[in-house]
Amino acid sequence: MCLAIPSKVISIDKSTNIATLDTLGVQREASLDLINEEVKIGDYVLLHIGYVMGKIDEEQAKLSLETYEEIIKTIEEEEKELQEANKSNS
C-alpha cells in the first residue's frame, strides 16, 4: 500500500527542481522530477517517498490532513492507555 501525504509548497529551487514542503508543521524537501504539472508556491501536492506525485485541491488536502491528525491523536491516546495499563500490571 502506498501513502501519499498532502503537503503545502513553501519554496521551490528551480535550479535543482526541489520543492520545500510543509507537512503537518514539518518541513522537508521533495523532488519535482516526476510531476508533469506546473507547481507554484502555495500549491498543495501529494508527497510520496521524497517525490511530488501530483497536485491536490486545497480543500481536499485540508480534509486529508485533518484525518491524519485524528489518526495520530487516536494512536497517541491508545499508546498512553497501553502504557498506563502496563504500569498497573507491574
Protein backbone atom coordinates (compact mmCIF):
# COMPACT_ATOMS: atom_id res chain seq x y z
CA MET A 1 0.00 0.00 0.00
CA CYS A 2 1.30 3.45 -0.88
CA LEU A 3 0.68 6.51 1.20
CA ALA A 4 0.89 9.97 -0.33
CA ILE A 5 0.77 12.82 2.16
CA PRO A 6 -0.78 16.19 1.25
CA SER A 7 1.80 18.93 1.73
CA LYS A 8 1.96 22.66 1.02
CA VAL A 9 4.72 24.05 -1.20
CA ILE A 10 6.58 26.80 0.66
CA SER A 11 9.54 27.29 -1.70
CA ILE A 12 10.96 26.00 -4.96
CA ASP A 13 14.59 25.81 -6.08
CA LYS A 14 14.29 25.85 -9.86
CA SER A 15 18.00 25.07 -10.35
CA THR A 16 17.64 21.69 -8.60
CA ASN A 17 13.90 21.15 -9.24
CA ILE A 18 13.41 20.65 -5.49
CA ALA A 19 10.46 21.98 -3.51
CA THR A 20 10.40 22.63 0.21
CA LEU A 21 7.12 21.36 1.63
CA ASP A 22 5.25 21.75 4.89
CA THR A 23 3.56 18.59 6.11
CA LEU A 24 1.70 18.99 9.40
CA GLY A 25 4.28 21.53 10.56
CA VAL A 26 7.30 19.50 9.42
CA GLN A 27 9.37 20.91 6.57
CA ARG A 28 11.06 18.60 4.09
CA GLU A 29 12.43 18.70 0.58
CA ALA A 30 11.00 16.75 -2.33
CA SER A 31 11.88 16.33 -5.97
CA LEU A 32 9.60 17.74 -8.64
CA ASP A 33 11.09 15.43 -11.29
CA LEU A 34 8.06 13.11 -11.50
CA ILE A 35 5.29 15.69 -11.87
CA ASN A 36 4.19 16.95 -15.29
CA GLU A 37 2.20 19.90 -13.95
CA GLU A 38 3.48 23.34 -13.01
CA VAL A 39 3.87 23.62 -9.24
CA LYS A 40 3.80 27.01 -7.53
CA ILE A 41 4.39 28.23 -4.00
CA GLY A 42 1.15 27.80 -2.06
CA ASP A 43 0.02 24.75 -4.04
CA TYR A 44 -0.89 21.55 -2.23
CA VAL A 45 0.79 18.45 -3.57
CA LEU A 46 0.95 14.75 -2.78
CA LEU A 47 4.30 13.68 -1.34
CA HIS A 48 5.49 10.08 -1.59
CA ILE A 49 9.00 8.86 -0.66
CA GLY A 50 10.68 12.16 -1.45
CA TYR A 51 8.86 12.91 -4.69
CA VAL A 52 5.93 15.15 -5.51
CA MET A 53 3.48 12.86 -7.30
CA GLY A 54 0.70 15.29 -8.16
CA LYS A 55 -1.25 18.36 -7.17
CA ILE A 56 -4.29 18.24 -4.91
CA ASP A 57 -7.12 20.67 -4.35
CA GLU A 58 -6.60 22.76 -1.19
CA GLU A 59 -9.95 21.70 0.30
CA GLN A 60 -9.21 18.00 -0.25
CA ALA A 61 -5.71 18.45 1.17
CA LYS A 62 -7.04 20.09 4.33
CA LEU A 63 -9.66 17.35 4.80
CA SER A 64 -6.98 14.67 4.40
CA LEU A 65 -4.66 16.44 6.84
CA GLU A 66 -7.47 16.66 9.40
CA THR A 67 -7.95 12.91 9.04
CA TYR A 68 -4.21 12.30 9.53
CA GLU A 69 -4.27 14.47 12.66
CA GLU A 70 -7.23 12.48 14.04
CA ILE A 71 -5.39 9.19 13.36
CA ILE A 72 -2.24 10.48 15.09
CA LYS A 73 -4.29 11.64 18.09
CA THR A 74 -6.02 8.24 18.34
CA ILE A 75 -2.70 6.39 18.17
CA GLU A 76 -1.20 8.63 20.87
CA GLU A 77 -4.23 8.06 23.13
CA GLU A 78 -4.05 4.29 22.62
CA GLU A 79 -0.32 4.27 23.39
CA LYS A 80 -0.93 6.27 26.57
CA GLU A 81 -3.67 3.86 27.67
CA LEU A 82 -1.38 0.90 26.97
CA GLN A 83 1.44 2.44 28.99
CA GLU A 84 -0.91 3.11 31.89
CA ALA A 85 -2.23 -0.47 31.73
CA ASN A 86 1.32 -1.82 31.71
CA LYS A 87 2.18 0.27 34.79
CA SER A 88 -0.89 -1.06 36.59
CA ASN A 89 0.09 -4.67 35.83
CA SER A 90 3.66 -4.20 37.11
